[in-house]
Amino acid sequence: TTFKETREATIDATVNAIKAANPNTKVVLAFTSHIIIDRIKANEGL
């Protein structure tokens, strides 16, 4: 999602919960929407 606040409260929070449950395993996030990826890079530099 391009909505930063809800992204942090939902997607990031869930990924962090998965990391906390698996502290010894690398956890990475990927987005399937290429449009959202491009917009986030353009607007947030992320």
All heavy atoms as atom14 arrays in JSON, in Angstrom:
{
  "sequence": "TTFKETREATIDATVNAIKAANPNTKVVLAFTSHIIIDRIKANEGL",
  "atom14_mask": [
    [1, 1, 1, 1, 1, 1, 1, 0, 0, 0, 0, 0, 0, 0],
    [1, 1, 1, 1, 1, 1, 1, 0, 0, 0, 0, 0, 0, 0],
    [1, 1, 1, 1, 1, 1, 1, 1, 1, 1, 1, 0, 0, 0],
    [1, 1, 1, 1, 1, 1, 1, 1, 1, 0, 0, 0, 0, 0],
    [1, 1, 1, 1, 1, 1, 1, 1, 1, 0, 0, 0, 0, 0],
    [1, 1, 1, 1, 1, 1, 1, 0, 0, 0, 0, 0, 0, 0],
    [1, 1, 1, 1, 1, 1, 1, 1, 1, 1, 1, 0, 0, 0],
    [1, 1, 1, 1, 1, 1, 1, 1, 1, 0, 0, 0, 0, 0],
    [1, 1, 1, 1, 1, 0, 0, 0, 0, 0, 0, 0, 0, 0],
    [1, 1, 1, 1, 1, 1, 1, 0, 0, 0, 0, 0, 0, 0],
    [1, 1, 1, 1, 1, 1, 1, 1, 0, 0, 0, 0, 0, 0],
    [1, 1, 1, 1, 1, 1, 1, 1, 0, 0, 0, 0, 0, 0],
    [1, 1, 1, 1, 1, 0, 0, 0, 0, 0, 0, 0, 0, 0],
    [1, 1, 1, 1, 1, 1, 1, 0, 0, 0, 0, 0, 0, 0],
    [1, 1, 1, 1, 1, 1, 1, 0, 0, 0, 0, 0, 0, 0],
    [1, 1, 1, 1, 1, 1, 1, 1, 0, 0, 0, 0, 0, 0],
    [1, 1, 1, 1, 1, 0, 0, 0, 0, 0, 0, 0, 0, 0],
    [1, 1, 1, 1, 1, 1, 1, 1, 0, 0, 0, 0, 0, 0],
    [1, 1, 1, 1, 1, 1, 1, 1, 1, 0, 0, 0, 0, 0],
    [1, 1, 1, 1, 1, 0, 0, 0, 0, 0, 0, 0, 0, 0],
    [1, 1, 1, 1, 1, 0, 0, 0, 0, 0, 0, 0, 0, 0],
    [1, 1, 1, 1, 1, 1, 1, 1, 0, 0, 0, 0, 0, 0],
    [1, 1, 1, 1, 1, 1, 1, 0, 0, 0, 0, 0, 0, 0],
    [1, 1, 1, 1, 1, 1, 1, 1, 0, 0, 0, 0, 0, 0],
    [1, 1, 1, 1, 1, 1, 1, 0, 0, 0, 0, 0, 0, 0],
    [1, 1, 1, 1, 1, 1, 1, 1, 1, 0, 0, 0, 0, 0],
    [1, 1, 1, 1, 1, 1, 1, 0, 0, 0, 0, 0, 0, 0],
    [1, 1, 1, 1, 1, 1, 1, 0, 0, 0, 0, 0, 0, 0],
    [1, 1, 1, 1, 1, 1, 1, 1, 0, 0, 0, 0, 0, 0],
    [1, 1, 1, 1, 1, 0, 0, 0, 0, 0, 0, 0, 0, 0],
    [1, 1, 1, 1, 1, 1, 1, 1, 1, 1, 1, 0, 0, 0],
    [1, 1, 1, 1, 1, 1, 1, 0, 0, 0, 0, 0, 0, 0],
    [1, 1, 1, 1, 1, 1, 0, 0, 0, 0, 0, 0, 0, 0],
    [1, 1, 1, 1, 1, 1, 1, 1, 1, 1, 0, 0, 0, 0],
    [1, 1, 1, 1, 1, 1, 1, 1, 0, 0, 0, 0, 0, 0],
    [1, 1, 1, 1, 1, 1, 1, 1, 0, 0, 0, 0, 0, 0],
    [1, 1, 1, 1, 1, 1, 1, 1, 0, 0, 0, 0, 0, 0],
    [1, 1, 1, 1, 1, 1, 1, 1, 0, 0, 0, 0, 0, 0],
    [1, 1, 1, 1, 1, 1, 1, 1, 1, 1, 1, 0, 0, 0],
    [1, 1, 1, 1, 1, 1, 1, 1, 0, 0, 0, 0, 0, 0],
    [1, 1, 1, 1, 1, 1, 1, 1, 1, 0, 0, 0, 0, 0],
    [1, 1, 1, 1, 1, 0, 0, 0, 0, 0, 0, 0, 0, 0],
    [1, 1, 1, 1, 1, 1, 1, 1, 0, 0, 0, 0, 0, 0],
    [1, 1, 1, 1, 1, 1, 1, 1, 1, 0, 0, 0, 0, 0],
    [1, 1, 1, 1, 0, 0, 0, 0, 0, 0, 0, 0, 0, 0],
    [1, 1, 1, 1, 1, 1, 1, 1, 0, 0, 0, 0, 0, 0]
  ],
  "atom14_positions": [
    [[0.84, -1.19, 0.0], [0.0, 0.0, 0.0], [0.88, 1.24, 0.0], [1.98, 1.24, 0.55], [-0.93, 0.04, 1.22], [-1.73, 1.24, 1.19], [-0.15, 0.03, 2.52], [0.0, 0.0, 0.0], [0.0, 0.0, 0.0], [0.0, 0.0, 0.0], [0.0, 0.0, 0.0], [0.0, 0.0, 0.0], [0.0, 0.0, 0.0], [0.0, 0.0, 0.0]],
    [[0.37, 2.32, -0.61], [1.1, 3.58, -0.6], [0.76, 4.41, 0.63], [1.37, 5.46, 0.85], [0.76, 4.41, -1.86], [-0.66, 4.61, -1.92], [1.22, 3.7, -3.12], [0.0, 0.0, 0.0], [0.0, 0.0, 0.0], [0.0, 0.0, 0.0], [0.0, 0.0, 0.0], [0.0, 0.0, 0.0], [0.0, 0.0, 0.0], [0.0, 0.0, 0.0]],
    [[-0.21, 3.96, 1.44], [-0.58, 4.68, 2.66], [0.41, 4.3, 3.77], [0.31, 3.22, 4.35], [-2.02, 4.34, 3.06], [-3.06, 5.0, 2.21], [-3.21, 4.67, 0.86], [-3.9, 5.98, 2.73], [-4.17, 5.27, 0.07], [-4.87, 6.6, 1.95], [-5.0, 6.24, 0.61], [0.0, 0.0, 0.0], [0.0, 0.0, 0.0], [0.0, 0.0, 0.0]],
    [[1.35, 5.19, 4.04], [2.47, 4.88, 4.93], [2.02, 4.49, 6.33], [2.52, 3.51, 6.9], [3.43, 6.07, 5.0], [4.67, 5.81, 5.85], [5.61, 7.02, 5.83], [6.85, 6.75, 6.69], [7.76, 7.93, 6.7], [0.0, 0.0, 0.0], [0.0, 0.0, 0.0], [0.0, 0.0, 0.0], [0.0, 0.0, 0.0], [0.0, 0.0, 0.0]],
    [[1.1, 5.26, 6.91], [0.71, 5.0, 8.3], [0.05, 3.63, 8.45], [0.36, 2.89, 9.39], [-0.23, 6.1, 8.81], [0.48, 7.44, 9.03], [-0.44, 8.46, 9.68], [-1.58, 8.11, 10.03], [0.0, 9.62, 9.84], [0.0, 0.0, 0.0], [0.0, 0.0, 0.0], [0.0, 0.0, 0.0], [0.0, 0.0, 0.0], [0.0, 0.0, 0.0]],
    [[-0.86, 3.31, 7.55], [-1.5, 2.0, 7.66], [-0.52, 0.89, 7.31], [-0.62, -0.22, 7.84], [-2.77, 1.92, 6.79], [-3.49, 0.73, 7.14], [-2.44, 1.86, 5.31], [0.0, 0.0, 0.0], [0.0, 0.0, 0.0], [0.0, 0.0, 0.0], [0.0, 0.0, 0.0], [0.0, 0.0, 0.0], [0.0, 0.0, 0.0], [0.0, 0.0, 0.0]],
    [[0.43, 1.16, 6.42], [1.45, 0.15, 6.11], [2.26, -0.2, 7.35], [2.52, -1.38, 7.63], [2.37, 0.67, 5.0], [3.39, -0.35, 4.52], [4.13, 0.15, 3.29], [5.07, 1.22, 3.57], [5.03, 2.42, 3.02], [4.08, 2.73, 2.18], [5.95, 3.32, 3.32], [0.0, 0.0, 0.0], [0.0, 0.0, 0.0], [0.0, 0.0, 0.0]],
    [[2.62, 0.81, 8.11], [3.4, 0.58, 9.33], [2.58, -0.16, 10.38], [3.1, -1.02, 11.1], [3.91, 1.91, 9.89], [4.94, 2.59, 8.99], [5.28, 3.99, 9.46], [4.55, 4.54, 10.33], [6.29, 4.55, 8.96], [0.0, 0.0, 0.0], [0.0, 0.0, 0.0], [0.0, 0.0, 0.0], [0.0, 0.0, 0.0], [0.0, 0.0, 0.0]],
    [[1.26, 0.16, 10.45], [0.41, -0.42, 11.47], [-0.07, -1.83, 11.12], [-0.53, -2.56, 12.01], [-0.8, 0.48, 11.72], [0.0, 0.0, 0.0], [0.0, 0.0, 0.0], [0.0, 0.0, 0.0], [0.0, 0.0, 0.0], [0.0, 0.0, 0.0], [0.0, 0.0, 0.0], [0.0, 0.0, 0.0], [0.0, 0.0, 0.0], [0.0, 0.0, 0.0]],
    [[0.05, -2.21, 9.86], [-0.49, -3.5, 9.42], [0.6, -4.42, 8.87], [0.98, -5.4, 9.51], [-1.58, -3.3, 8.36], [-1.04, -2.53, 7.26], [-2.77, -2.55, 8.95], [0.0, 0.0, 0.0], [0.0, 0.0, 0.0], [0.0, 0.0, 0.0], [0.0, 0.0, 0.0], [0.0, 0.0, 0.0], [0.0, 0.0, 0.0], [0.0, 0.0, 0.0]],
    [[1.12, -4.08, 7.7], [2.12, -4.94, 7.06], [3.39, -5.01, 7.88], [3.88, -6.1, 8.21], [2.42, -4.43, 5.63], [1.16, -4.52, 4.77], [3.56, -5.23, 5.02], [1.3, -3.87, 3.41], [0.0, 0.0, 0.0], [0.0, 0.0, 0.0], [0.0, 0.0, 0.0], [0.0, 0.0, 0.0], [0.0, 0.0, 0.0], [0.0, 0.0, 0.0]],
    [[3.94, -3.85, 8.23], [5.19, -3.84, 9.01], [4.99, -4.49, 10.37], [5.87, -5.23, 10.85], [5.7, -2.41, 9.19], [6.16, -1.77, 7.88], [6.28, -2.51, 6.87], [6.39, -0.55, 7.86], [0.0, 0.0, 0.0], [0.0, 0.0, 0.0], [0.0, 0.0, 0.0], [0.0, 0.0, 0.0], [0.0, 0.0, 0.0], [0.0, 0.0, 0.0]],
    [[3.85, -4.24, 11.0], [3.59, -4.83, 12.31], [3.51, -6.35, 12.22], [4.0, -7.07, 13.11], [2.29, -4.28, 12.89], [0.0, 0.0, 0.0], [0.0, 0.0, 0.0], [0.0, 0.0, 0.0], [0.0, 0.0, 0.0], [0.0, 0.0, 0.0], [0.0, 0.0, 0.0], [0.0, 0.0, 0.0], [0.0, 0.0, 0.0], [0.0, 0.0, 0.0]],
    [[2.94, -6.86, 11.14], [2.83, -8.31, 10.97], [4.19, -8.92, 10.67], [4.54, -9.98, 11.21], [1.84, -8.64, 9.85], [0.57, -8.02, 10.14], [1.63, -10.14, 9.74], [0.0, 0.0, 0.0], [0.0, 0.0, 0.0], [0.0, 0.0, 0.0], [0.0, 0.0, 0.0], [0.0, 0.0, 0.0], [0.0, 0.0, 0.0], [0.0, 0.0, 0.0]],
    [[4.97, -8.27, 9.82], [6.32, -8.76, 9.54], [7.16, -8.76, 10.81], [7.91, -9.71, 11.08], [6.98, -7.91, 8.44], [8.46, -8.28, 8.28], [6.26, -8.09, 7.12], [0.0, 0.0, 0.0], [0.0, 0.0, 0.0], [0.0, 0.0, 0.0], [0.0, 0.0, 0.0], [0.0, 0.0, 0.0], [0.0, 0.0, 0.0], [0.0, 0.0, 0.0]],
    [[7.02, -7.72, 11.63], [7.76, -7.67, 12.89], [7.33, -8.79, 13.83], [8.15, -9.35, 14.57], [7.56, -6.32, 13.56], [8.3, -5.2, 12.84], [9.28, -5.44, 12.13], [7.85, -3.96, 13.01], [0.0, 0.0, 0.0], [0.0, 0.0, 0.0], [0.0, 0.0, 0.0], [0.0, 0.0, 0.0], [0.0, 0.0, 0.0], [0.0, 0.0, 0.0]],
    [[6.05, -9.15, 13.8], [5.56, -10.26, 14.63], [6.14, -11.58, 14.15], [6.48, -12.47, 14.97], [4.04, -10.3, 14.62], [0.0, 0.0, 0.0], [0.0, 0.0, 0.0], [0.0, 0.0, 0.0], [0.0, 0.0, 0.0], [0.0, 0.0, 0.0], [0.0, 0.0, 0.0], [0.0, 0.0, 0.0], [0.0, 0.0, 0.0], [0.0, 0.0, 0.0]],
    [[6.26, -11.74, 12.84], [6.88, -12.96, 12.29], [8.35, -13.01, 12.66], [8.88, -14.08, 13.02], [6.68, -12.99, 10.76], [5.2, -13.18, 10.42], [7.52, -14.11, 10.13], [4.87, -13.02, 8.94], [0.0, 0.0, 0.0], [0.0, 0.0, 0.0], [0.0, 0.0, 0.0], [0.0, 0.0, 0.0], [0.0, 0.0, 0.0], [0.0, 0.0, 0.0]],
    [[9.03, -11.87, 12.61], [10.43, -11.82, 13.03], [10.59, -12.18, 14.5], [11.5, -12.94, 14.87], [11.0, -10.41, 12.78], [11.21, -10.06, 11.32], [11.76, -8.65, 11.17], [12.02, -8.29, 9.73], [12.53, -6.89, 9.57], [0.0, 0.0, 0.0], [0.0, 0.0, 0.0], [0.0, 0.0, 0.0], [0.0, 0.0, 0.0], [0.0, 0.0, 0.0]],
    [[9.71, -11.65, 15.34], [9.79, -11.93, 16.78], [9.57, -13.41, 17.07], [10.17, -13.96, 18.0], [8.75, -11.09, 17.52], [0.0, 0.0, 0.0], [0.0, 0.0, 0.0], [0.0, 0.0, 0.0], [0.0, 0.0, 0.0], [0.0, 0.0, 0.0], [0.0, 0.0, 0.0], [0.0, 0.0, 0.0], [0.0, 0.0, 0.0], [0.0, 0.0, 0.0]],
    [[8.73, -14.06, 16.27], [8.47, -15.48, 16.47], [9.6, -16.36, 15.94], [9.7, -17.54, 16.31], [7.16, -15.87, 15.78], [0.0, 0.0, 0.0], [0.0, 0.0, 0.0], [0.0, 0.0, 0.0], [0.0, 0.0, 0.0], [0.0, 0.0, 0.0], [0.0, 0.0, 0.0], [0.0, 0.0, 0.0], [0.0, 0.0, 0.0], [0.0, 0.0, 0.0]],
    [[10.45, -15.78, 15.09], [11.54, -16.54, 14.48], [12.83, -15.72, 14.52], [13.36, -15.32, 13.47], [11.18, -16.9, 13.03], [9.92, -17.72, 12.94], [9.94, -18.93, 13.18], [8.81, -17.08, 12.61], [0.0, 0.0, 0.0], [0.0, 0.0, 0.0], [0.0, 0.0, 0.0], [0.0, 0.0, 0.0], [0.0, 0.0, 0.0], [0.0, 0.0, 0.0]],
    [[13.34, -15.46, 15.72], [14.48, -14.54, 15.87], [15.78, -15.02, 15.23], [16.66, -14.2, 14.96], [14.62, -14.41, 17.39], [14.03, -15.68, 17.93], [12.89, -16.0, 17.02], [0.0, 0.0, 0.0], [0.0, 0.0, 0.0], [0.0, 0.0, 0.0], [0.0, 0.0, 0.0], [0.0, 0.0, 0.0], [0.0, 0.0, 0.0], [0.0, 0.0, 0.0]],
    [[15.88, -16.3, 14.96], [17.11, -16.85, 14.39], [17.03, -17.08, 12.88], [17.93, -17.7, 12.31], [17.47, -18.15, 15.1], [17.72, -17.96, 16.58], [18.37, -16.98, 16.99], [17.21, -18.85, 17.4], [0.0, 0.0, 0.0], [0.0, 0.0, 0.0], [0.0, 0.0, 0.0], [0.0, 0.0, 0.0], [0.0, 0.0, 0.0], [0.0, 0.0, 0.0]],
    [[15.96, -16.59, 12.27], [15.78, -16.78, 10.83], [15.62, -15.42, 10.15], [14.88, -14.56, 10.64], [14.52, -17.63, 10.55], [14.63, -18.88, 11.24], [14.35, -17.88, 9.06], [0.0, 0.0, 0.0], [0.0, 0.0, 0.0], [0.0, 0.0, 0.0], [0.0, 0.0, 0.0], [0.0, 0.0, 0.0], [0.0, 0.0, 0.0], [0.0, 0.0, 0.0]],
    [[16.31, -15.24, 9.04], [16.2, -13.99, 8.29], [14.79, -13.88, 7.73], [14.25, -14.83, 7.14], [17.22, -13.94, 7.16], [17.21, -12.63, 6.36], [18.26, -12.65, 5.28], [18.27, -11.35, 4.46], [18.66, -10.18, 5.27], [0.0, 0.0, 0.0], [0.0, 0.0, 0.0], [0.0, 0.0, 0.0], [0.0, 0.0, 0.0], [0.0, 0.0, 0.0]],
    [[14.18, -12.7, 7.88], [12.84, -12.44, 7.35], [12.91, -11.21, 6.46], [13.39, -10.15, 6.88], [11.82, -12.21, 8.49], [10.44, -11.9, 7.91], [11.75, -13.43, 9.41], [0.0, 0.0, 0.0], [0.0, 0.0, 0.0], [0.0, 0.0, 0.0], [0.0, 0.0, 0.0], [0.0, 0.0, 0.0], [0.0, 0.0, 0.0], [0.0, 0.0, 0.0]],
    [[12.45, -11.34, 5.22], [12.46, -10.21, 4.29], [11.05, -10.02, 3.73], [10.25, -10.95, 3.66], [13.46, -10.42, 3.13], [14.89, -10.48, 3.67], [13.13, -11.69, 2.36], [0.0, 0.0, 0.0], [0.0, 0.0, 0.0], [0.0, 0.0, 0.0], [0.0, 0.0, 0.0], [0.0, 0.0, 0.0], [0.0, 0.0, 0.0], [0.0, 0.0, 0.0]],
    [[10.74, -8.79, 3.33], [9.43, -8.42, 2.81], [9.53, -8.05, 1.34], [10.46, -7.37, 0.92], [8.86, -7.23, 3.6], [7.58, -6.59, 3.08], [6.4, -7.55, 3.19], [7.3, -5.28, 3.84], [0.0, 0.0, 0.0], [0.0, 0.0, 0.0], [0.0, 0.0, 0.0], [0.0, 0.0, 0.0], [0.0, 0.0, 0.0], [0.0, 0.0, 0.0]],
    [[8.54, -8.49, 0.56], [8.44, -8.11, -0.84], [7.0, -7.75, -1.15], [6.07, -8.29, -0.56], [8.9, -9.26, -1.74], [0.0, 0.0, 0.0], [0.0, 0.0, 0.0], [0.0, 0.0, 0.0], [0.0, 0.0, 0.0], [0.0, 0.0, 0.0], [0.0, 0.0, 0.0], [0.0, 0.0, 0.0], [0.0, 0.0, 0.0], [0.0, 0.0, 0.0]],
    [[6.81, -6.81, -2.07], [5.47, -6.43, -2.52], [5.22, -7.01, -3.91], [6.11, -7.03, -4.75], [5.32, -4.91, -2.57], [5.13, -4.25, -1.22], [5.05, -2.87, -1.12], [5.01, -5.01, -0.05], [4.86, -2.25, 0.11], [4.83, -4.4, 1.18], [4.75, -3.02, 1.26], [0.0, 0.0, 0.0], [0.0, 0.0, 0.0], [0.0, 0.0, 0.0]],
    [[3.99, -7.43, -4.13], [3.64, -7.98, -5.44], [3.09, -6.92, -6.39], [3.01, -7.16, -7.59], [2.61, -9.11, -5.29], [1.46, -8.64, -4.57], [3.21, -10.3, -4.55], [0.0, 0.0, 0.0], [0.0, 0.0, 0.0], [0.0, 0.0, 0.0], [0.0, 0.0, 0.0], [0.0, 0.0, 0.0], [0.0, 0.0, 0.0], [0.0, 0.0, 0.0]],
    [[2.69, -5.75, -5.88], [2.21, -4.68, -6.75], [3.39, -3.85, -7.23], [3.98, -3.08, -6.46], [1.22, -3.78, -6.03], [0.9, -2.65, -6.83], [0.0, 0.0, 0.0], [0.0, 0.0, 0.0], [0.0, 0.0, 0.0], [0.0, 0.0, 0.0], [0.0, 0.0, 0.0], [0.0, 0.0, 0.0], [0.0, 0.0, 0.0], [0.0, 0.0, 0.0]],
    [[3.72, -3.97, -8.49], [4.84, -3.21, -9.04], [4.53, -1.72, -9.08], [5.43, -0.88, -8.94], [5.16, -3.73, -10.44], [5.66, -5.14, -10.46], [6.58, -5.6, -11.37], [5.37, -6.2, -9.67], [6.84, -6.88, -11.14], [6.1, -7.26, -10.12], [0.0, 0.0, 0.0], [0.0, 0.0, 0.0], [0.0, 0.0, 0.0], [0.0, 0.0, 0.0]],
    [[3.26, -1.37, -9.26], [2.86, 0.04, -9.26], [3.1, 0.66, -7.89], [3.65, 1.77, -7.77], [1.39, 0.19, -9.68], [1.2, -0.24, -11.13], [0.91, 1.63, -9.48], [-0.25, -0.26, -11.6], [0.0, 0.0, 0.0], [0.0, 0.0, 0.0], [0.0, 0.0, 0.0], [0.0, 0.0, 0.0], [0.0, 0.0, 0.0], [0.0, 0.0, 0.0]],
    [[2.71, -0.05, -6.85], [2.9, 0.46, -5.49], [4.39, 0.58, -5.18], [4.83, 1.57, -4.58], [2.19, -0.44, -4.47], [0.67, -0.21, -4.57], [2.69, -0.19, -3.05], [-0.16, -1.12, -3.67], [0.0, 0.0, 0.0], [0.0, 0.0, 0.0], [0.0, 0.0, 0.0], [0.0, 0.0, 0.0], [0.0, 0.0, 0.0], [0.0, 0.0, 0.0]],
    [[5.17, -0.39, -5.6], [6.62, -0.33, -5.39], [7.19, 0.94, -6.02], [7.99, 1.66, -5.39], [7.3, -1.58, -5.98], [6.98, -2.81, -5.15], [8.82, -1.38, -6.07], [7.46, -4.12, -5.76], [0.0, 0.0, 0.0], [0.0, 0.0, 0.0], [0.0, 0.0, 0.0], [0.0, 0.0, 0.0], [0.0, 0.0, 0.0], [0.0, 0.0, 0.0]],
    [[6.79, 1.22, -7.26], [7.31, 2.4, -7.96], [6.88, 3.69, -7.27], [7.67, 4.64, -7.14], [6.82, 2.4, -9.41], [7.46, 1.29, -10.25], [8.49, 0.75, -9.81], [6.91, 0.96, -11.32], [0.0, 0.0, 0.0], [0.0, 0.0, 0.0], [0.0, 0.0, 0.0], [0.0, 0.0, 0.0], [0.0, 0.0, 0.0], [0.0, 0.0, 0.0]],
    [[5.63, 3.75, -6.81], [5.14, 4.97, -6.16], [5.83, 5.2, -4.82], [6.14, 6.34, -4.46], [3.62, 4.88, -5.98], [2.85, 4.99, -7.29], [1.36, 4.86, -7.1], [0.65, 4.98, -8.37], [-0.66, 4.8, -8.52], [-1.41, 4.48, -7.45], [-1.23, 4.92, -9.7], [0.0, 0.0, 0.0], [0.0, 0.0, 0.0], [0.0, 0.0, 0.0]],
    [[6.05, 4.14, -4.06], [6.73, 4.28, -2.77], [8.17, 4.76, -2.99], [8.67, 5.63, -2.26], [6.7, 2.96, -1.99], [5.28, 2.65, -1.53], [7.65, 3.01, -0.8], [5.12, 1.3, -0.86], [0.0, 0.0, 0.0], [0.0, 0.0, 0.0], [0.0, 0.0, 0.0], [0.0, 0.0, 0.0], [0.0, 0.0, 0.0], [0.0, 0.0, 0.0]],
    [[8.81, 4.23, -4.0], [10.19, 4.66, -4.29], [10.22, 6.13, -4.68], [11.09, 6.89, -4.23], [10.78, 3.8, -5.41], [12.23, 4.13, -5.73], [12.8, 3.17, -6.77], [14.26, 3.5, -7.05], [14.85, 2.57, -8.06], [0.0, 0.0, 0.0], [0.0, 0.0, 0.0], [0.0, 0.0, 0.0], [0.0, 0.0, 0.0], [0.0, 0.0, 0.0]],
    [[9.25, 6.55, -5.5], [9.21, 7.94, -5.96], [8.85, 8.9, -4.84], [9.41, 9.99, -4.73], [8.21, 8.08, -7.1], [0.0, 0.0, 0.0], [0.0, 0.0, 0.0], [0.0, 0.0, 0.0], [0.0, 0.0, 0.0], [0.0, 0.0, 0.0], [0.0, 0.0, 0.0], [0.0, 0.0, 0.0], [0.0, 0.0, 0.0], [0.0, 0.0, 0.0]],
    [[7.93, 8.5, -3.98], [7.43, 9.41, -2.94], [8.19, 9.35, -1.63], [8.27, 10.33, -0.9], [5.95, 9.11, -2.67], [5.08, 9.37, -3.87], [5.37, 10.24, -4.7], [3.99, 8.62, -3.99], [0.0, 0.0, 0.0], [0.0, 0.0, 0.0], [0.0, 0.0, 0.0], [0.0, 0.0, 0.0], [0.0, 0.0, 0.0], [0.0, 0.0, 0.0]],
    [[8.77, 8.18, -1.32], [9.43, 8.01, -0.02], [10.91, 7.67, -0.14], [11.62, 7.67, 0.87], [8.73, 6.9, 0.78], [7.25, 7.14, 1.06], [6.62, 6.0, 1.83], [7.31, 5.43, 2.7], [5.45, 5.66, 1.56], [0.0, 0.0, 0.0], [0.0, 0.0, 0.0], [0.0, 0.0, 0.0], [0.0, 0.0, 0.0], [0.0, 0.0, 0.0]],
    [[11.35, 7.35, -1.34], [12.74, 6.93, -1.52], [13.03, 5.57, -0.93], [14.19, 5.22, -0.67], [0.0, 0.0, 0.0], [0.0, 0.0, 0.0], [0.0, 0.0, 0.0], [0.0, 0.0, 0.0], [0.0, 0.0, 0.0], [0.0, 0.0, 0.0], [0.0, 0.0, 0.0], [0.0, 0.0, 0.0], [0.0, 0.0, 0.0], [0.0, 0.0, 0.0]],
    [[11.99, 4.78, -0.72], [12.12, 3.47, -0.1], [12.08, 2.39, -1.17], [11.17, 2.35, -2.0], [10.99, 3.25, 0.91], [10.97, 1.93, 1.69], [12.21, 1.81, 2.56], [9.69, 1.86, 2.54], [0.0, 0.0, 0.0], [0.0, 0.0, 0.0], [0.0, 0.0, 0.0], [0.0, 0.0, 0.0], [0.0, 0.0, 0.0], [0.0, 0.0, 0.0]]
  ]
}
